[in-house]
Amino acid sequence: MSAPTITQSPAPTAKRAAKQRQAPVAGAIFAALAVYPLVADPAWLNIGILALTYAIAASGWNLLGGYTGQVSFGHALFFGAGAYPTALLVRDGWSPWLAIAASLPVAAALAVVTGYPVFRLRSHYYSIATIAVAEIAFLLVTNTSWLGQANGLELPITEQSFANLQFSLQDKRPYYYVALGFFALAAAAIALFLRGRAGSYVRAIRDDQFAAAAVGIPVHRYKLAAAVLSAAVTALAGGYYVMFVLFVDPPSGFGLDLSVSFTLMAVLGGAGRFWGPLLGAWVLVIVQDVTRHELSGTGRSIDLLLYGALITVVAVVEPGGILALLQRLLGKLGVRR
């Protein structure tokens, strides 16, 4: 059977005009991100490293939850699938670059194994199933001795070099630029996926998967395709995170709060909008840092409460997130988007 044809909107000329506007926007965003460490103090540089790392994971969630419409609350499964294999391989003497690369197919395979059955569920049943799968992984890791159990895994401190992916803590700019490079790689992979036929199909599935199936789109196959790339991108964040902190344990690799954070980042910034997760990640990491410093130990989880309040406000004012709100304000001011 020949592939179905999807009528896309806006018209081709409008799409070309939109793509022409996207290039300068992307250039401006990456230019600002590249300049940031040159003007940021050490504390804000650390915020930038974490924000970019989490933005990678939130972008992975956004591909599946925002563009494909499959809202997952268990994406920490793939973050941990990047962190733990990377830690194990580096402890075994592997290059961290190869270790991170090797963790990506592990996460992709997990996406296929877990996605094949759970994608047959719909709506909130699917979301609940993703929580269950991630919690099963959390318990398995916590009770597996060669994965460090509840104590986690520590990575060895080696010679500071680009090859070892370890740098001086007195100057964390190399960590920042590596995180920026990984974010650019993840963004490019997602953009290529969305520009092709697969991008049109997953948007059709998000809008109405029954109608998509009726016109011949293999819904289950493209859900799995989006899940595989989403998992690999999220694992990339997990692999780099463990190389930055040199430690991983079940809460930092598979914790439910991680899954919730990735979801909140994308939703607040703008789910289904390309730059939404990046904006949301910066906001969440800044909120986390402020609550940690201002409230000390009592600030634990208050960042999520504040973030939830922000989402509530944004949902009332503009359900499309902060980016949609900014676009609306720019439109009222007569600024071209």
C-alpha atoms as a PDB file:
ATOM      1  CA  MET A   1       0.000   0.000   0.000  1.00  0.00           C
ATOM      2  CA  SER A   2       1.414   3.364  -0.946  1.00  0.00           C
ATOM      3  CA  ALA A   3       2.199   5.884   1.745  1.00  0.00           C
ATOM      4  CA  PRO A   4      -0.704   8.188   2.592  1.00  0.00           C
ATOM      5  CA  THR A   5      -0.580  11.780   1.552  1.00  0.00           C
ATOM      6  CA  ILE A   6      -1.137  14.326   4.292  1.00  0.00           C
ATOM      7  CA  THR A   7      -2.458  17.700   3.361  1.00  0.00           C
ATOM      8  CA  GLN A   8      -0.388  20.147   5.329  1.00  0.00           C
ATOM      9  CA  SER A   9      -1.198  23.605   6.497  1.00  0.00           C
ATOM     10  CA  PRO A  10      -0.055  26.320   6.065  1.00  0.00           C
ATOM     11  CA  ALA A  11       0.448  26.528   2.316  1.00  0.00           C
ATOM     12  CA  PRO A  12       3.910  25.682   0.927  1.00  0.00           C
ATOM     13  CA  THR A  13       4.811  29.319   0.414  1.00  0.00           C
ATOM     14  CA  ALA A  14       3.898  30.100   4.012  1.00  0.00           C
ATOM     15  CA  LYS A  15       5.926  27.098   5.173  1.00  0.00           C
ATOM     16  CA  ARG A  16       8.965  28.274   3.235  1.00  0.00           C
ATOM     17  CA  ALA A  17       8.603  31.732   4.745  1.00  0.00           C
ATOM     18  CA  ALA A  18       8.370  30.184   8.230  1.00  0.00           C
ATOM     19  CA  LYS A  19      11.525  28.141   7.624  1.00  0.00           C
ATOM     20  CA  GLN A  20      13.353  31.242   6.433  1.00  0.00           C
ATOM     21  CA  ARG A  21      12.435  32.970   9.694  1.00  0.00           C
ATOM     22  CA  GLN A  22      13.541  29.985  11.772  1.00  0.00           C
ATOM     23  CA  ALA A  23      17.179  30.160  10.679  1.00  0.00           C
ATOM     24  CA  PRO A  24      17.836  33.677  12.053  1.00  0.00           C
ATOM     25  CA  VAL A  25      15.984  32.792  15.259  1.00  0.00           C
ATOM     26  CA  ALA A  26      18.104  29.665  15.733  1.00  0.00           C
ATOM     27  CA  GLY A  27      21.256  31.642  14.954  1.00  0.00           C
ATOM     28  CA  ALA A  28      20.372  34.319  17.499  1.00  0.00           C
ATOM     29  CA  ILE A  29      19.574  31.741  20.192  1.00  0.00           C
ATOM     30  CA  PHE A  30      22.822  29.821  19.723  1.00  0.00           C
ATOM     31  CA  ALA A  31      24.819  33.064  19.536  1.00  0.00           C
ATOM     32  CA  ALA A  32      23.354  34.177  22.862  1.00  0.00           C
ATOM     33  CA  LEU A  33      24.053  30.779  24.397  1.00  0.00           C
ATOM     34  CA  ALA A  34      27.630  30.851  23.106  1.00  0.00           C
ATOM     35  CA  VAL A  35      28.288  34.289  24.600  1.00  0.00           C
ATOM     36  CA  TYR A  36      26.646  33.490  27.941  1.00  0.00           C
ATOM     37  CA  PRO A  37      29.672  31.836  29.671  1.00  0.00           C
ATOM     38  CA  LEU A  38      31.843  34.814  28.769  1.00  0.00           C
ATOM     39  CA  VAL A  39      29.723  37.105  30.956  1.00  0.00           C
ATOM     40  CA  ALA A  40      28.350  34.701  33.600  1.00  0.00           C
ATOM     41  CA  ASP A  41      29.929  34.243  37.025  1.00  0.00           C
ATOM     42  CA  PRO A  42      30.719  30.680  38.238  1.00  0.00           C
ATOM     43  CA  ALA A  43      27.342  30.186  39.948  1.00  0.00           C
ATOM     44  CA  TRP A  44      25.397  31.218  36.855  1.00  0.00           C
ATOM     45  CA  LEU A  45      27.711  29.156  34.686  1.00  0.00           C
ATOM     46  CA  ASN A  46      26.761  26.086  36.691  1.00  0.00           C
ATOM     47  CA  ILE A  47      23.101  26.983  36.165  1.00  0.00           C
ATOM     48  CA  GLY A  48      23.750  27.187  32.433  1.00  0.00           C
ATOM     49  CA  ILE A  49      25.353  23.733  32.310  1.00  0.00           C
ATOM     50  CA  LEU A  50      22.438  22.117  34.131  1.00  0.00           C
ATOM     51  CA  ALA A  51      19.866  24.072  32.114  1.00  0.00           C
ATOM     52  CA  LEU A  52      21.333  22.905  28.790  1.00  0.00           C
ATOM     53  CA  THR A  53      21.609  19.323  30.018  1.00  0.00           C
ATOM     54  CA  TYR A  54      17.993  19.264  31.163  1.00  0.00           C
ATOM     55  CA  ALA A  55      16.921  21.085  27.999  1.00  0.00           C
ATOM     56  CA  ILE A  56      18.229  18.103  26.008  1.00  0.00           C
ATOM     57  CA  ALA A  57      16.091  15.714  28.068  1.00  0.00           C
ATOM     58  CA  ALA A  58      13.050  18.011  27.923  1.00  0.00           C
ATOM     59  CA  SER A  59      13.454  18.277  24.136  1.00  0.00           C
ATOM     60  CA  GLY A  60      13.371  14.481  23.983  1.00  0.00           C
ATOM     61  CA  TRP A  61      10.148  14.506  26.000  1.00  0.00           C
ATOM     62  CA  ASN A  62       8.725  17.250  23.783  1.00  0.00           C
ATOM     63  CA  LEU A  63       9.159  15.135  20.655  1.00  0.00           C
ATOM     64  CA  LEU A  64       7.014  12.380  22.144  1.00  0.00           C
ATOM     65  CA  GLY A  65       4.688  14.372  24.380  1.00  0.00           C
ATOM     66  CA  GLY A  66       4.429  17.697  22.573  1.00  0.00           C
ATOM     67  CA  TYR A  67       4.627  16.730  18.903  1.00  0.00           C
ATOM     68  CA  THR A  68       3.271  13.166  18.984  1.00  0.00           C
ATOM     69  CA  GLY A  69       0.741  13.677  21.785  1.00  0.00           C
ATOM     70  CA  GLN A  70       1.949  10.774  23.950  1.00  0.00           C
ATOM     71  CA  VAL A  71       2.252  12.346  27.402  1.00  0.00           C
ATOM     72  CA  SER A  72       4.857  10.391  29.340  1.00  0.00           C
ATOM     73  CA  PHE A  73       5.521  10.709  33.067  1.00  0.00           C
ATOM     74  CA  GLY A  74       8.266   8.097  32.992  1.00  0.00           C
ATOM     75  CA  HIS A  75      10.963   9.683  30.859  1.00  0.00           C
ATOM     76  CA  ALA A  76      13.481   9.319  33.672  1.00  0.00           C
ATOM     77  CA  LEU A  77      13.685   5.711  32.452  1.00  0.00           C
ATOM     78  CA  PHE A  78      15.622   6.899  29.416  1.00  0.00           C
ATOM     79  CA  PHE A  79      17.650   9.458  31.369  1.00  0.00           C
ATOM     80  CA  GLY A  80      18.818   6.664  33.637  1.00  0.00           C
ATOM     81  CA  ALA A  81      19.370   4.411  30.626  1.00  0.00           C
ATOM     82  CA  GLY A  82      21.909   6.983  29.475  1.00  0.00           C
ATOM     83  CA  ALA A  83      23.474   7.635  32.880  1.00  0.00           C
ATOM     84  CA  TYR A  84      23.984   4.095  34.180  1.00  0.00           C
ATOM     85  CA  PRO A  85      25.538   2.462  31.076  1.00  0.00           C
ATOM     86  CA  THR A  86      27.816   5.485  30.699  1.00  0.00           C
ATOM     87  CA  ALA A  87      28.926   5.183  34.329  1.00  0.00           C
ATOM     88  CA  LEU A  88      29.510   1.431  34.078  1.00  0.00           C
ATOM     89  CA  LEU A  89      31.518   1.666  30.859  1.00  0.00           C
ATOM     90  CA  VAL A  90      33.667   4.564  32.071  1.00  0.00           C
ATOM     91  CA  ARG A  91      34.409   2.673  35.281  1.00  0.00           C
ATOM     92  CA  ASP A  92      35.444  -0.225  33.043  1.00  0.00           C
ATOM     93  CA  GLY A  93      37.966   1.977  31.202  1.00  0.00           C
ATOM     94  CA  TRP A  94      35.947   3.133  28.191  1.00  0.00           C
ATOM     95  CA  SER A  95      36.281   6.581  26.694  1.00  0.00           C
ATOM     96  CA  PRO A  96      33.380   8.694  28.026  1.00  0.00           C
ATOM     97  CA  TRP A  97      32.518   9.744  24.472  1.00  0.00           C
ATOM     98  CA  LEU A  98      32.169   6.127  23.382  1.00  0.00           C
ATOM     99  CA  ALA A  99      30.336   5.270  26.596  1.00  0.00           C
ATOM    100  CA  ILE A 100      27.732   7.987  26.007  1.00  0.00           C
ATOM    101  CA  ALA A 101      27.360   6.890  22.382  1.00  0.00           C
ATOM    102  CA  ALA A 102      26.901   3.262  23.467  1.00  0.00           C
ATOM    103  CA  SER A 103      24.162   4.233  25.918  1.00  0.00           C
ATOM    104  CA  LEU A 104      21.946   5.686  23.169  1.00  0.00           C
ATOM    105  CA  PRO A 105      21.002   2.341  21.534  1.00  0.00           C
ATOM    106  CA  VAL A 106      20.352   0.947  25.022  1.00  0.00           C
ATOM    107  CA  ALA A 107      17.740   3.646  25.603  1.00  0.00           C
ATOM    108  CA  ALA A 108      16.360   3.203  22.082  1.00  0.00           C
ATOM    109  CA  ALA A 109      15.945  -0.532  22.680  1.00  0.00           C
ATOM    110  CA  LEU A 110      14.164   0.169  25.965  1.00  0.00           C
ATOM    111  CA  ALA A 111      11.832   2.527  24.098  1.00  0.00           C
ATOM    112  CA  VAL A 112      10.895  -0.263  21.688  1.00  0.00           C
ATOM    113  CA  VAL A 113      10.491  -2.919  24.392  1.00  0.00           C
ATOM    114  CA  THR A 114       8.365  -0.711  26.643  1.00  0.00           C
ATOM    115  CA  GLY A 115       6.642   1.263  23.906  1.00  0.00           C
ATOM    116  CA  TYR A 116       5.319  -1.675  21.912  1.00  0.00           C
ATOM    117  CA  PRO A 117       2.802  -2.699  24.606  1.00  0.00           C
ATOM    118  CA  VAL A 118       2.077   0.673  26.277  1.00  0.00           C
ATOM    119  CA  PHE A 119       1.369   2.498  23.002  1.00  0.00           C
ATOM    120  CA  ARG A 120      -1.713   0.344  22.701  1.00  0.00           C
ATOM    121  CA  LEU A 121      -3.078   2.283  25.669  1.00  0.00           C
ATOM    122  CA  ARG A 122      -4.569   5.724  25.174  1.00  0.00           C
ATOM    123  CA  SER A 123      -4.991   8.971  27.055  1.00  0.00           C
ATOM    124  CA  HIS A 124      -4.299   8.880  30.813  1.00  0.00           C
ATOM    125  CA  TYR A 125      -3.943   5.077  30.777  1.00  0.00           C
ATOM    126  CA  TYR A 126      -0.769   5.478  28.717  1.00  0.00           C
ATOM    127  CA  SER A 127       0.580   8.159  31.082  1.00  0.00           C
ATOM    128  CA  ILE A 128      -0.050   5.943  34.109  1.00  0.00           C
ATOM    129  CA  ALA A 129       1.677   3.013  32.407  1.00  0.00           C
ATOM    130  CA  THR A 130       4.812   5.104  31.786  1.00  0.00           C
ATOM    131  CA  ILE A 131       4.998   5.914  35.505  1.00  0.00           C
ATOM    132  CA  ALA A 132       4.718   2.210  36.341  1.00  0.00           C
ATOM    133  CA  VAL A 133       7.483   1.236  33.911  1.00  0.00           C
ATOM    134  CA  ALA A 134       9.848   3.892  35.261  1.00  0.00           C
ATOM    135  CA  GLU A 135       9.133   2.890  38.874  1.00  0.00           C
ATOM    136  CA  ILE A 136       9.826  -0.763  38.048  1.00  0.00           C
ATOM    137  CA  ALA A 137      13.203   0.287  36.639  1.00  0.00           C
ATOM    138  CA  PHE A 138      13.858   2.364  39.774  1.00  0.00           C
ATOM    139  CA  LEU A 139      13.212  -0.631  42.028  1.00  0.00           C
ATOM    140  CA  LEU A 140      15.281  -2.993  39.889  1.00  0.00           C
ATOM    141  CA  VAL A 141      18.293  -0.665  39.946  1.00  0.00           C
ATOM    142  CA  THR A 142      17.906  -0.057  43.691  1.00  0.00           C
ATOM    143  CA  ASN A 143      18.089  -3.797  44.342  1.00  0.00           C
ATOM    144  CA  THR A 144      20.821  -4.766  41.849  1.00  0.00           C
ATOM    145  CA  SER A 145      24.270  -5.050  43.410  1.00  0.00           C
ATOM    146  CA  TRP A 146      26.365  -4.508  40.249  1.00  0.00           C
ATOM    147  CA  LEU A 147      24.453  -1.254  39.644  1.00  0.00           C
ATOM    148  CA  GLY A 148      25.412   0.027  43.079  1.00  0.00           C
ATOM    149  CA  GLN A 149      21.960  -0.528  44.611  1.00  0.00           C
ATOM    150  CA  ALA A 150      20.801   2.484  46.650  1.00  0.00           C
ATOM    151  CA  ASN A 151      24.393   3.728  47.066  1.00  0.00           C
ATOM    152  CA  GLY A 152      24.796   4.442  43.361  1.00  0.00           C
ATOM    153  CA  LEU A 153      27.973   4.517  41.282  1.00  0.00           C
ATOM    154  CA  GLU A 154      30.918   6.886  41.559  1.00  0.00           C
ATOM    155  CA  LEU A 155      33.105   7.618  38.548  1.00  0.00           C
ATOM    156  CA  PRO A 156      36.883   7.896  38.859  1.00  0.00           C
ATOM    157  CA  ILE A 157      38.545  11.304  38.706  1.00  0.00           C
ATOM    158  CA  THR A 158      41.048  11.198  35.861  1.00  0.00           C
ATOM    159  CA  GLU A 159      43.374  13.571  34.064  1.00  0.00           C
ATOM    160  CA  GLN A 160      41.648  16.746  32.953  1.00  0.00           C
ATOM    161  CA  SER A 161      41.262  16.634  29.192  1.00  0.00           C
ATOM    162  CA  PHE A 162      38.723  16.823  26.414  1.00  0.00           C
ATOM    163  CA  ALA A 163      39.239  13.126  25.705  1.00  0.00           C
ATOM    164  CA  ASN A 164      38.369  12.216  29.313  1.00  0.00           C
ATOM    165  CA  LEU A 165      35.509  14.718  29.403  1.00  0.00           C
ATOM    166  CA  GLN A 166      36.785  16.055  32.702  1.00  0.00           C
ATOM    167  CA  PHE A 167      37.793  19.657  33.219  1.00  0.00           C
ATOM    168  CA  SER A 168      38.851  21.996  35.999  1.00  0.00           C
ATOM    169  CA  LEU A 169      36.138  22.911  38.485  1.00  0.00           C
ATOM    170  CA  GLN A 170      37.729  26.355  38.691  1.00  0.00           C
ATOM    171  CA  ASP A 171      36.679  27.059  35.112  1.00  0.00           C
ATOM    172  CA  LYS A 172      33.583  25.160  34.004  1.00  0.00           C
ATOM    173  CA  ARG A 173      33.287  26.800  30.611  1.00  0.00           C
ATOM    174  CA  PRO A 174      34.444  23.629  28.800  1.00  0.00           C
ATOM    175  CA  TYR A 175      31.594  21.724  30.478  1.00  0.00           C
ATOM    176  CA  TYR A 176      29.180  24.409  29.298  1.00  0.00           C
ATOM    177  CA  TYR A 177      30.343  24.335  25.685  1.00  0.00           C
ATOM    178  CA  VAL A 178      30.194  20.537  25.551  1.00  0.00           C
ATOM    179  CA  ALA A 179      26.622  20.727  26.891  1.00  0.00           C
ATOM    180  CA  LEU A 180      25.841  23.335  24.244  1.00  0.00           C
ATOM    181  CA  GLY A 181      27.287  21.061  21.552  1.00  0.00           C
ATOM    182  CA  PHE A 182      25.176  18.129  22.745  1.00  0.00           C
ATOM    183  CA  PHE A 183      22.083  20.350  22.801  1.00  0.00           C
ATOM    184  CA  ALA A 184      22.795  21.458  19.232  1.00  0.00           C
ATOM    185  CA  LEU A 185      23.173  17.810  18.191  1.00  0.00           C
ATOM    186  CA  ALA A 186      19.881  16.858  19.829  1.00  0.00           C
ATOM    187  CA  ALA A 187      18.079  19.867  18.336  1.00  0.00           C
ATOM    188  CA  ALA A 188      19.399  19.024  14.854  1.00  0.00           C
ATOM    189  CA  ALA A 189      18.261  15.396  15.123  1.00  0.00           C
ATOM    190  CA  ILE A 190      14.767  16.405  16.238  1.00  0.00           C
ATOM    191  CA  ALA A 191      14.517  19.111  13.560  1.00  0.00           C
ATOM    192  CA  LEU A 192      15.449  16.633  10.821  1.00  0.00           C
ATOM    193  CA  PHE A 193      12.856  14.172  12.104  1.00  0.00           C
ATOM    194  CA  LEU A 194      10.132  16.819  12.183  1.00  0.00           C
ATOM    195  CA  ARG A 195      10.957  18.215   8.737  1.00  0.00           C
ATOM    196  CA  GLY A 196      10.381  14.906   6.991  1.00  0.00           C
ATOM    197  CA  ARG A 197       7.333  12.761   6.421  1.00  0.00           C
ATOM    198  CA  ALA A 198       7.599  11.442   9.964  1.00  0.00           C
ATOM    199  CA  GLY A 199       7.037  14.943  11.332  1.00  0.00           C
ATOM    200  CA  SER A 200       3.791  15.323   9.412  1.00  0.00           C
ATOM    201  CA  TYR A 201       2.636  11.885  10.504  1.00  0.00           C
ATOM    202  CA  VAL A 202       3.295  12.356  14.231  1.00  0.00           C
ATOM    203  CA  ARG A 203       1.491  15.710  14.189  1.00  0.00           C
ATOM    204  CA  ALA A 204      -1.469  14.016  12.521  1.00  0.00           C
ATOM    205  CA  ILE A 205      -1.377  11.316  15.203  1.00  0.00           C
ATOM    206  CA  ARG A 206      -1.340  13.974  17.915  1.00  0.00           C
ATOM    207  CA  ASP A 207      -4.318  15.800  16.430  1.00  0.00           C
ATOM    208  CA  ASP A 208      -6.447  12.675  15.889  1.00  0.00           C
ATOM    209  CA  GLN A 209      -4.852   9.245  15.799  1.00  0.00           C
ATOM    210  CA  PHE A 210      -8.105   7.584  14.668  1.00  0.00           C
ATOM    211  CA  ALA A 211      -8.334   9.886  11.659  1.00  0.00           C
ATOM    212  CA  ALA A 212      -4.626   9.336  11.012  1.00  0.00           C
ATOM    213  CA  ALA A 213      -5.140   5.562  11.021  1.00  0.00           C
ATOM    214  CA  ALA A 214      -8.178   5.949   8.777  1.00  0.00           C
ATOM    215  CA  VAL A 215      -6.112   7.591   6.028  1.00  0.00           C
ATOM    216  CA  GLY A 216      -3.495   4.839   6.206  1.00  0.00           C
ATOM    217  CA  ILE A 217      -0.822   6.210   8.557  1.00  0.00           C
ATOM    218  CA  PRO A 218       0.815   3.335  10.483  1.00  0.00           C
ATOM    219  CA  VAL A 219       0.151   4.932  13.857  1.00  0.00           C
ATOM    220  CA  HIS A 220       1.923   2.395  16.042  1.00  0.00           C
ATOM    221  CA  ARG A 221       5.056   2.431  13.878  1.00  0.00           C
ATOM    222  CA  TYR A 222       5.441   6.204  13.979  1.00  0.00           C
ATOM    223  CA  LYS A 223       4.742   6.368  17.687  1.00  0.00           C
ATOM    224  CA  LEU A 224       7.615   3.920  18.147  1.00  0.00           C
ATOM    225  CA  ALA A 225       9.847   5.932  15.786  1.00  0.00           C
ATOM    226  CA  ALA A 226       9.227   9.095  17.817  1.00  0.00           C
ATOM    227  CA  ALA A 227       9.783   7.170  21.051  1.00  0.00           C
ATOM    228  CA  VAL A 228      13.120   5.769  19.850  1.00  0.00           C
ATOM    229  CA  LEU A 229      14.521   9.193  18.966  1.00  0.00           C
ATOM    230  CA  SER A 230      13.000  10.707  22.111  1.00  0.00           C
ATOM    231  CA  ALA A 231      14.663   8.037  24.252  1.00  0.00           C
ATOM    232  CA  ALA A 232      18.051   8.439  22.572  1.00  0.00           C
ATOM    233  CA  VAL A 233      17.985  12.223  23.036  1.00  0.00           C
ATOM    234  CA  THR A 234      17.013  11.867  26.699  1.00  0.00           C
ATOM    235  CA  ALA A 235      19.765   9.276  27.207  1.00  0.00           C
ATOM    236  CA  LEU A 236      22.267  11.722  25.745  1.00  0.00           C
ATOM    237  CA  ALA A 237      21.362  14.118  28.561  1.00  0.00           C
ATOM    238  CA  GLY A 238      21.696  11.347  31.147  1.00  0.00           C
ATOM    239  CA  GLY A 239      25.091  10.273  29.859  1.00  0.00           C
ATOM    240  CA  TYR A 240      26.464  13.787  29.945  1.00  0.00           C
ATOM    241  CA  TYR A 241      24.935  14.503  33.348  1.00  0.00           C
ATOM    242  CA  VAL A 242      26.772  11.591  34.958  1.00  0.00           C
ATOM    243  CA  MET A 243      30.056  12.776  33.421  1.00  0.00           C
ATOM    244  CA  PHE A 244      29.464  16.237  34.864  1.00  0.00           C
ATOM    245  CA  VAL A 245      28.663  15.195  38.439  1.00  0.00           C
ATOM    246  CA  LEU A 246      30.680  11.896  38.351  1.00  0.00           C
ATOM    247  CA  PHE A 247      27.968  10.111  40.304  1.00  0.00           C
ATOM    248  CA  VAL A 248      24.598   8.497  39.730  1.00  0.00           C
ATOM    249  CA  ASP A 249      22.137   6.747  42.035  1.00  0.00           C
ATOM    250  CA  PRO A 250      18.511   5.642  41.564  1.00  0.00           C
ATOM    251  CA  PRO A 251      16.905   8.991  42.536  1.00  0.00           C
ATOM    252  CA  SER A 252      19.217  11.027  40.291  1.00  0.00           C
ATOM    253  CA  GLY A 253      18.899   8.566  37.413  1.00  0.00           C
ATOM    254  CA  PHE A 254      15.366   7.176  37.586  1.00  0.00           C
ATOM    255  CA  GLY A 255      13.546   9.423  40.079  1.00  0.00           C
ATOM    256  CA  LEU A 256       9.900  10.296  39.429  1.00  0.00           C
ATOM    257  CA  ASP A 257      10.690  13.940  40.135  1.00  0.00           C
ATOM    258  CA  LEU A 258      13.016  13.892  37.110  1.00  0.00           C
ATOM    259  CA  SER A 259      10.186  12.704  34.874  1.00  0.00           C
ATOM    260  CA  VAL A 260       7.909  15.391  36.266  1.00  0.00           C
ATOM    261  CA  SER A 261      10.595  18.036  35.771  1.00  0.00           C
ATOM    262  CA  PHE A 262      11.105  17.151  32.099  1.00  0.00           C
ATOM    263  CA  THR A 263       7.349  17.374  31.551  1.00  0.00           C
ATOM    264  CA  LEU A 264       7.062  20.691  33.376  1.00  0.00           C
ATOM    265  CA  MET A 265       9.951  22.207  31.440  1.00  0.00           C
ATOM    266  CA  ALA A 266       8.369  21.433  28.089  1.00  0.00           C
ATOM    267  CA  VAL A 267       4.841  22.415  29.135  1.00  0.00           C
ATOM    268  CA  LEU A 268       5.809  25.732  30.701  1.00  0.00           C
ATOM    269  CA  GLY A 269       8.105  26.714  27.854  1.00  0.00           C
ATOM    270  CA  GLY A 270       5.614  25.509  25.252  1.00  0.00           C
ATOM    271  CA  ALA A 271       4.850  21.857  24.508  1.00  0.00           C
ATOM    272  CA  GLY A 272       4.917  21.174  20.786  1.00  0.00           C
ATOM    273  CA  ARG A 273       7.105  24.252  20.227  1.00  0.00           C
ATOM    274  CA  PHE A 274      10.692  23.679  19.227  1.00  0.00           C
ATOM    275  CA  TRP A 275      12.362  26.087  21.668  1.00  0.00           C
ATOM    276  CA  GLY A 276       9.864  25.576  24.496  1.00  0.00           C
ATOM    277  CA  PRO A 277      11.917  22.976  26.428  1.00  0.00           C
ATOM    278  CA  LEU A 278      15.019  25.185  26.313  1.00  0.00           C
ATOM    279  CA  LEU A 279      13.157  28.123  27.831  1.00  0.00           C
ATOM    280  CA  GLY A 280      11.403  25.925  30.377  1.00  0.00           C
ATOM    281  CA  ALA A 281      14.657  24.273  31.448  1.00  0.00           C
ATOM    282  CA  TRP A 282      16.308  27.621  32.153  1.00  0.00           C
ATOM    283  CA  VAL A 283      13.312  28.753  34.204  1.00  0.00           C
ATOM    284  CA  LEU A 284      13.163  25.533  36.250  1.00  0.00           C
ATOM    285  CA  VAL A 285      16.892  25.402  36.980  1.00  0.00           C
ATOM    286  CA  ILE A 286      16.876  29.051  38.084  1.00  0.00           C
ATOM    287  CA  VAL A 287      13.863  28.402  40.338  1.00  0.00           C
ATOM    288  CA  GLN A 288      15.636  25.361  41.800  1.00  0.00           C
ATOM    289  CA  ASP A 289      18.770  27.366  42.480  1.00  0.00           C
ATOM    290  CA  VAL A 290      16.885  30.235  44.105  1.00  0.00           C
ATOM    291  CA  THR A 291      14.854  27.964  46.391  1.00  0.00           C
ATOM    292  CA  ARG A 292      17.961  25.984  47.345  1.00  0.00           C
ATOM    293  CA  HIS A 293      19.896  29.082  48.346  1.00  0.00           C
ATOM    294  CA  GLU A 294      17.077  31.089  49.897  1.00  0.00           C
ATOM    295  CA  LEU A 295      15.399  28.236  51.777  1.00  0.00           C
ATOM    296  CA  SER A 296      18.456  26.009  52.331  1.00  0.00           C
ATOM    297  CA  GLY A 297      17.495  22.412  53.115  1.00  0.00           C
ATOM    298  CA  THR A 298      13.825  23.285  53.563  1.00  0.00           C
ATOM    299  CA  GLY A 299      13.608  24.272  49.896  1.00  0.00           C
ATOM    300  CA  ARG A 300      13.485  20.691  48.651  1.00  0.00           C
ATOM    301  CA  SER A 301      10.560  20.196  46.237  1.00  0.00           C
ATOM    302  CA  ILE A 302       9.373  23.777  46.745  1.00  0.00           C
ATOM    303  CA  ASP A 303      10.833  24.487  43.320  1.00  0.00           C
ATOM    304  CA  LEU A 304       8.292  22.053  41.845  1.00  0.00           C
ATOM    305  CA  LEU A 305       5.485  23.783  43.768  1.00  0.00           C
ATOM    306  CA  LEU A 306       6.568  27.164  42.411  1.00  0.00           C
ATOM    307  CA  TYR A 307       6.925  25.700  38.968  1.00  0.00           C
ATOM    308  CA  GLY A 308       3.446  24.208  39.210  1.00  0.00           C
ATOM    309  CA  ALA A 309       2.109  27.620  40.186  1.00  0.00           C
ATOM    310  CA  LEU A 310       3.828  29.151  37.146  1.00  0.00           C
ATOM    311  CA  ILE A 311       2.267  26.537  34.889  1.00  0.00           C
ATOM    312  CA  THR A 312      -1.169  27.221  36.392  1.00  0.00           C
ATOM    313  CA  VAL A 313      -0.812  30.931  35.693  1.00  0.00           C
ATOM    314  CA  VAL A 314       0.460  30.334  32.167  1.00  0.00           C
ATOM    315  CA  ALA A 315      -2.283  27.776  31.484  1.00  0.00           C
ATOM    316  CA  VAL A 316      -4.925  30.325  32.418  1.00  0.00           C
ATOM    317  CA  VAL A 317      -3.353  33.137  30.416  1.00  0.00           C
ATOM    318  CA  GLU A 318      -1.929  31.147  27.476  1.00  0.00           C
ATOM    319  CA  PRO A 319      -2.164  27.318  27.368  1.00  0.00           C
ATOM    320  CA  GLY A 320       0.552  27.240  24.709  1.00  0.00           C
ATOM    321  CA  GLY A 321       3.217  28.153  27.255  1.00  0.00           C
ATOM    322  CA  ILE A 322       5.555  31.088  27.657  1.00  0.00           C
ATOM    323  CA  LEU A 323       6.608  31.055  23.997  1.00  0.00           C
ATOM    324  CA  ALA A 324       2.995  31.299  22.830  1.00  0.00           C
ATOM    325  CA  LEU A 325       2.443  34.119  25.310  1.00  0.00           C
ATOM    326  CA  LEU A 326       5.468  35.978  23.969  1.00  0.00           C
ATOM    327  CA  GLN A 327       4.286  35.476  20.390  1.00  0.00           C
ATOM    328  CA  ARG A 328       0.868  36.846  21.300  1.00  0.00           C
ATOM    329  CA  LEU A 329       2.409  39.888  22.971  1.00  0.00           C
ATOM    330  CA  LEU A 330       4.703  40.500  19.995  1.00  0.00           C
ATOM    331  CA  GLY A 331       1.710  40.187  17.693  1.00  0.00           C
ATOM    332  CA  LYS A 332      -0.177  42.823  19.640  1.00  0.00           C
ATOM    333  CA  LEU A 333       2.853  45.092  19.432  1.00  0.00           C
ATOM    334  CA  GLY A 334       2.946  44.583  15.678  1.00  0.00           C
ATOM    335  CA  VAL A 335       6.301  42.754  15.714  1.00  0.00           C
ATOM    336  CA  ARG A 336       6.673  40.106  13.006  1.00  0.00           C
ATOM    337  CA  ARG A 337       7.294  36.600  14.348  1.00  0.00           C
END
